[in-house]
Amino acid sequence: MKPSANNLEHLMKCPVCDRNYNHTRALVLEEEVNKTAFHVTCENCKISTIVLVSSNNFGLVSLGILTDLDKNEAKRLYKNDAITSNQVIELHQFLKEFDGEVKEFI
């Protein structure tokens, strides 16, 4: 199945207010041979979405994830390494031993 406007129609509209996106404002976060990730914000309702699209022998697969990240945050965070289990354990231990106020923590 080749990509066409018909099978990409659901990617052209905001999932919240159903208005057409302005694709010229979409930010490509990652682009490879068979997959693309981009960030787009609806000009009408201001809801942002990260969209993942990949193609294989069976056709196109897409996934939209609503986000509160603006395009600059998404660009900065998209390629970061995942949080490791050791980092989670370290944070847990820190919070367990922390004896202060929230504003000190932040």
N, C-alpha and C. Protein backbone atom coordinates (compact mmCIF):
# COMPACT_ATOMS: atom_id res chain seq x y z
N MET A 1 0.84 -1.18 0.00
CA MET A 1 0.00 0.00 0.00
C MET A 1 0.89 1.24 0.00
N LYS A 2 0.68 2.10 -0.95
CA LYS A 2 1.46 3.32 -1.04
C LYS A 2 0.77 4.41 -0.22
N PRO A 3 1.57 5.31 0.43
CA PRO A 3 0.95 6.43 1.14
C PRO A 3 0.15 7.29 0.19
N SER A 4 -1.00 7.70 0.62
CA SER A 4 -1.82 8.61 -0.18
C SER A 4 -2.60 9.51 0.77
N ALA A 5 -3.21 10.53 0.22
CA ALA A 5 -4.00 11.45 1.04
C ALA A 5 -5.13 10.71 1.74
N ASN A 6 -5.67 9.67 1.12
CA ASN A 6 -6.78 8.94 1.72
C ASN A 6 -6.38 8.19 2.98
N ASN A 7 -5.23 7.49 2.96
CA ASN A 7 -4.88 6.73 4.15
C ASN A 7 -4.06 7.54 5.16
N LEU A 8 -3.82 8.81 4.86
CA LEU A 8 -3.17 9.70 5.83
C LEU A 8 -4.13 10.78 6.34
N GLU A 9 -5.39 10.69 5.94
CA GLU A 9 -6.36 11.73 6.27
C GLU A 9 -6.48 11.97 7.78
N HIS A 10 -6.44 10.88 8.57
CA HIS A 10 -6.56 11.04 10.02
C HIS A 10 -5.38 11.78 10.63
N LEU A 11 -4.25 11.86 9.90
CA LEU A 11 -3.09 12.59 10.40
C LEU A 11 -3.17 14.07 10.04
N MET A 12 -4.09 14.44 9.21
CA MET A 12 -4.19 15.82 8.74
C MET A 12 -5.12 16.67 9.57
N LYS A 13 -5.75 16.04 10.58
CA LYS A 13 -6.71 16.77 11.41
C LYS A 13 -6.38 16.61 12.87
N CYS A 14 -6.70 17.62 13.64
CA CYS A 14 -6.50 17.58 15.08
C CYS A 14 -7.43 16.53 15.68
N PRO A 15 -6.92 15.65 16.55
CA PRO A 15 -7.78 14.63 17.15
C PRO A 15 -8.74 15.18 18.19
N VAL A 16 -8.53 16.42 18.61
CA VAL A 16 -9.39 17.02 19.63
C VAL A 16 -10.52 17.84 19.02
N CYS A 17 -10.18 18.76 18.11
CA CYS A 17 -11.23 19.64 17.56
C CYS A 17 -11.56 19.33 16.10
N ASP A 18 -10.85 18.39 15.48
CA ASP A 18 -11.11 17.93 14.12
C ASP A 18 -10.85 18.98 13.04
N ARG A 19 -10.08 20.01 13.37
CA ARG A 19 -9.72 21.01 12.37
C ARG A 19 -8.45 20.56 11.64
N ASN A 20 -8.29 20.99 10.42
CA ASN A 20 -7.10 20.66 9.64
C ASN A 20 -5.87 21.32 10.25
N TYR A 21 -4.77 20.56 10.26
CA TYR A 21 -3.49 21.10 10.71
C TYR A 21 -2.90 21.98 9.62
N ASN A 22 -2.08 22.93 10.05
CA ASN A 22 -1.24 23.68 9.13
C ASN A 22 0.09 22.92 9.10
N HIS A 23 0.29 22.06 8.10
CA HIS A 23 1.46 21.18 8.06
C HIS A 23 2.77 21.93 7.88
N THR A 24 2.69 23.17 7.43
CA THR A 24 3.94 23.93 7.29
C THR A 24 4.53 24.26 8.65
N ARG A 25 3.74 24.13 9.71
CA ARG A 25 4.22 24.42 11.06
C ARG A 25 4.63 23.16 11.83
N ALA A 26 4.54 22.00 11.19
CA ALA A 26 4.94 20.75 11.83
C ALA A 26 6.46 20.70 11.93
N LEU A 27 6.95 20.13 13.03
CA LEU A 27 8.39 19.99 13.25
C LEU A 27 8.76 18.52 13.16
N VAL A 28 9.64 18.17 12.24
CA VAL A 28 10.11 16.79 12.12
C VAL A 28 11.12 16.55 13.24
N LEU A 29 10.83 15.55 14.08
CA LEU A 29 11.71 15.19 15.20
C LEU A 29 12.72 14.13 14.80
N GLU A 30 12.29 13.22 13.94
CA GLU A 30 13.16 12.15 13.47
C GLU A 30 12.64 11.67 12.13
N GLU A 31 13.56 11.41 11.22
CA GLU A 31 13.14 10.91 9.91
C GLU A 31 14.14 9.87 9.44
N GLU A 32 13.63 8.68 9.20
CA GLU A 32 14.43 7.59 8.67
C GLU A 32 13.72 7.03 7.46
N VAL A 33 14.28 5.99 6.86
CA VAL A 33 13.74 5.46 5.61
C VAL A 33 12.26 5.08 5.75
N ASN A 34 11.91 4.32 6.78
CA ASN A 34 10.53 3.83 6.91
C ASN A 34 9.78 4.38 8.11
N LYS A 35 10.32 5.41 8.75
CA LYS A 35 9.58 5.97 9.89
C LYS A 35 9.90 7.45 10.06
N THR A 36 8.89 8.16 10.54
CA THR A 36 9.01 9.59 10.78
C THR A 36 8.28 9.92 12.07
N ALA A 37 8.85 10.83 12.83
CA ALA A 37 8.19 11.34 14.03
C ALA A 37 8.15 12.86 13.90
N PHE A 38 6.99 13.44 14.19
CA PHE A 38 6.92 14.89 14.14
C PHE A 38 5.99 15.43 15.22
N HIS A 39 6.15 16.72 15.49
CA HIS A 39 5.36 17.44 16.49
C HIS A 39 4.53 18.47 15.75
N VAL A 40 3.27 18.54 16.08
CA VAL A 40 2.39 19.52 15.45
C VAL A 40 1.43 20.07 16.50
N THR A 41 1.15 21.37 16.40
CA THR A 41 0.22 22.02 17.31
C THR A 41 -0.95 22.57 16.51
N CYS A 42 -2.15 22.28 16.97
CA CYS A 42 -3.36 22.76 16.31
C CYS A 42 -3.47 24.28 16.53
N GLU A 43 -3.64 25.00 15.44
CA GLU A 43 -3.77 26.45 15.55
C GLU A 43 -5.11 26.86 16.17
N ASN A 44 -6.10 25.98 16.11
CA ASN A 44 -7.42 26.29 16.64
C ASN A 44 -7.50 26.08 18.16
N CYS A 45 -7.21 24.85 18.63
CA CYS A 45 -7.38 24.54 20.05
C CYS A 45 -6.07 24.54 20.84
N LYS A 46 -4.94 24.69 20.13
CA LYS A 46 -3.60 24.78 20.74
C LYS A 46 -3.13 23.48 21.38
N ILE A 47 -3.76 22.35 21.04
CA ILE A 47 -3.33 21.05 21.55
C ILE A 47 -2.18 20.55 20.67
N SER A 48 -1.13 20.05 21.31
CA SER A 48 0.03 19.53 20.58
C SER A 48 -0.01 18.01 20.55
N THR A 49 0.52 17.46 19.48
CA THR A 49 0.55 16.02 19.29
C THR A 49 1.92 15.62 18.73
N ILE A 50 2.45 14.52 19.24
CA ILE A 50 3.61 13.90 18.63
C ILE A 50 3.07 12.73 17.82
N VAL A 51 3.39 12.71 16.54
CA VAL A 51 2.86 11.70 15.63
C VAL A 51 4.02 10.84 15.14
N LEU A 52 3.84 9.53 15.24
CA LEU A 52 4.81 8.57 14.75
C LEU A 52 4.18 7.83 13.58
N VAL A 53 4.87 7.79 12.45
CA VAL A 53 4.35 7.12 11.26
C VAL A 53 5.44 6.18 10.75
N SER A 54 5.07 4.93 10.50
CA SER A 54 6.03 3.99 9.91
C SER A 54 5.33 3.20 8.82
N SER A 55 6.13 2.72 7.89
CA SER A 55 5.57 1.90 6.83
C SER A 55 6.32 0.59 6.76
N ASN A 56 5.58 -0.44 6.38
CA ASN A 56 6.19 -1.76 6.19
C ASN A 56 5.43 -2.46 5.06
N ASN A 57 5.65 -3.74 4.91
CA ASN A 57 5.00 -4.49 3.82
C ASN A 57 3.48 -4.53 3.94
N PHE A 58 2.95 -4.29 5.12
CA PHE A 58 1.51 -4.36 5.34
C PHE A 58 0.82 -3.01 5.22
N GLY A 59 1.58 -1.94 5.07
CA GLY A 59 0.98 -0.62 4.93
C GLY A 59 1.58 0.37 5.90
N LEU A 60 0.77 1.36 6.27
CA LEU A 60 1.20 2.42 7.18
C LEU A 60 0.65 2.18 8.57
N VAL A 61 1.47 2.52 9.56
CA VAL A 61 1.06 2.47 10.95
C VAL A 61 1.31 3.85 11.52
N SER A 62 0.35 4.40 12.23
CA SER A 62 0.54 5.71 12.84
C SER A 62 0.06 5.70 14.27
N LEU A 63 0.68 6.55 15.06
CA LEU A 63 0.32 6.69 16.47
C LEU A 63 0.44 8.15 16.82
N GLY A 64 -0.61 8.72 17.35
CA GLY A 64 -0.58 10.11 17.80
C GLY A 64 -0.64 10.15 19.32
N ILE A 65 0.22 10.95 19.90
CA ILE A 65 0.29 11.06 21.36
C ILE A 65 0.10 12.53 21.72
N LEU A 66 -1.00 12.84 22.43
CA LEU A 66 -1.21 14.21 22.88
C LEU A 66 -0.13 14.56 23.89
N THR A 67 0.36 15.79 23.84
CA THR A 67 1.44 16.20 24.72
C THR A 67 1.27 17.65 25.15
N ASP A 68 1.89 17.97 26.27
CA ASP A 68 1.92 19.37 26.69
C ASP A 68 3.26 20.02 26.32
N LEU A 69 4.12 19.28 25.61
CA LEU A 69 5.40 19.83 25.17
C LEU A 69 5.19 20.76 24.00
N ASP A 70 5.86 21.92 24.03
CA ASP A 70 5.84 22.74 22.83
C ASP A 70 6.91 22.20 21.89
N LYS A 71 7.01 22.74 20.68
CA LYS A 71 7.90 22.14 19.70
C LYS A 71 9.37 22.22 20.10
N ASN A 72 9.77 23.27 20.79
CA ASN A 72 11.17 23.37 21.23
C ASN A 72 11.50 22.35 22.31
N GLU A 73 10.57 22.12 23.24
CA GLU A 73 10.77 21.11 24.28
C GLU A 73 10.82 19.71 23.65
N ALA A 74 9.91 19.47 22.72
CA ALA A 74 9.88 18.15 22.06
C ALA A 74 11.18 17.90 21.31
N LYS A 75 11.68 18.90 20.61
CA LYS A 75 12.93 18.75 19.86
C LYS A 75 14.09 18.45 20.81
N ARG A 76 14.13 19.14 21.94
CA ARG A 76 15.22 18.95 22.91
C ARG A 76 15.14 17.60 23.60
N LEU A 77 13.94 17.16 23.92
CA LEU A 77 13.77 15.94 24.71
C LEU A 77 13.64 14.67 23.89
N TYR A 78 13.29 14.78 22.65
CA TYR A 78 12.96 13.59 21.86
C TYR A 78 14.10 12.59 21.77
N LYS A 79 15.30 13.05 21.58
CA LYS A 79 16.42 12.15 21.39
C LYS A 79 17.19 11.84 22.68
N ASN A 80 16.74 12.35 23.81
CA ASN A 80 17.43 12.05 25.06
C ASN A 80 17.35 10.57 25.39
N ASP A 81 18.32 10.13 26.18
CA ASP A 81 18.31 8.74 26.64
C ASP A 81 17.15 8.52 27.60
N ALA A 82 16.65 7.30 27.63
CA ALA A 82 15.58 6.93 28.56
C ALA A 82 16.13 6.94 29.99
N ILE A 83 15.25 7.16 30.93
CA ILE A 83 15.63 7.11 32.34
C ILE A 83 15.92 5.66 32.70
N THR A 84 17.04 5.44 33.38
CA THR A 84 17.42 4.08 33.74
C THR A 84 16.81 3.68 35.08
N SER A 85 16.76 2.39 35.35
CA SER A 85 16.25 1.93 36.64
C SER A 85 17.15 2.41 37.77
N ASN A 86 18.44 2.52 37.54
CA ASN A 86 19.35 3.04 38.56
C ASN A 86 19.03 4.49 38.92
N GLN A 87 18.67 5.29 37.93
CA GLN A 87 18.30 6.68 38.20
C GLN A 87 17.03 6.75 39.04
N VAL A 88 16.09 5.88 38.76
CA VAL A 88 14.85 5.84 39.54
C VAL A 88 15.16 5.46 40.99
N ILE A 89 16.01 4.47 41.18
CA ILE A 89 16.39 4.03 42.53
C ILE A 89 17.11 5.15 43.27
N GLU A 90 18.02 5.84 42.58
CA GLU A 90 18.74 6.96 43.20
C GLU A 90 17.78 8.06 43.64
N LEU A 91 16.81 8.40 42.79
CA LEU A 91 15.83 9.42 43.15
C LEU A 91 14.99 8.96 44.32
N HIS A 92 14.57 7.73 44.31
CA HIS A 92 13.78 7.18 45.42
C HIS A 92 14.56 7.30 46.73
N GLN A 93 15.81 6.91 46.72
CA GLN A 93 16.64 6.97 47.91
C GLN A 93 16.82 8.41 48.38
N PHE A 94 17.04 9.32 47.44
CA PHE A 94 17.19 10.73 47.78
C PHE A 94 15.93 11.26 48.45
N LEU A 95 14.77 10.98 47.86
CA LEU A 95 13.51 11.47 48.41
C LEU A 95 13.21 10.83 49.77
N LYS A 96 13.59 9.59 49.93
CA LYS A 96 13.38 8.89 51.20
C LYS A 96 14.17 9.57 52.32
N GLU A 97 15.36 10.04 52.00
CA GLU A 97 16.24 10.65 53.00
C GLU A 97 16.08 12.17 53.09
N PHE A 98 15.41 12.78 52.13
CA PHE A 98 15.29 14.24 52.09
C PHE A 98 14.38 14.71 53.22
N ASP A 99 14.88 15.67 53.98
CA ASP A 99 14.10 16.20 55.11
C ASP A 99 14.06 17.72 54.99
N GLY A 100 13.35 18.19 54.01
CA GLY A 100 13.26 19.63 53.79
C GLY A 100 11.92 19.98 53.17
N GLU A 101 11.80 21.24 52.78
CA GLU A 101 10.56 21.71 52.18
C GLU A 101 10.63 21.54 50.66
N VAL A 102 9.47 21.55 50.05
CA VAL A 102 9.38 21.36 48.61
C VAL A 102 10.18 22.41 47.85
N LYS A 103 10.12 23.67 48.28
CA LYS A 103 10.85 24.72 47.54
C LYS A 103 12.37 24.51 47.63
N GLU A 104 12.86 23.88 48.69
CA GLU A 104 14.29 23.53 48.77
C GLU A 104 14.63 22.44 47.76
N PHE A 105 13.74 21.49 47.63
CA PHE A 105 13.94 20.37 46.70
C PHE A 105 14.01 20.86 45.26
N ILE A 106 13.11 21.77 44.93
CA ILE A 106 13.03 22.27 43.56
C ILE A 106 14.20 23.19 43.29
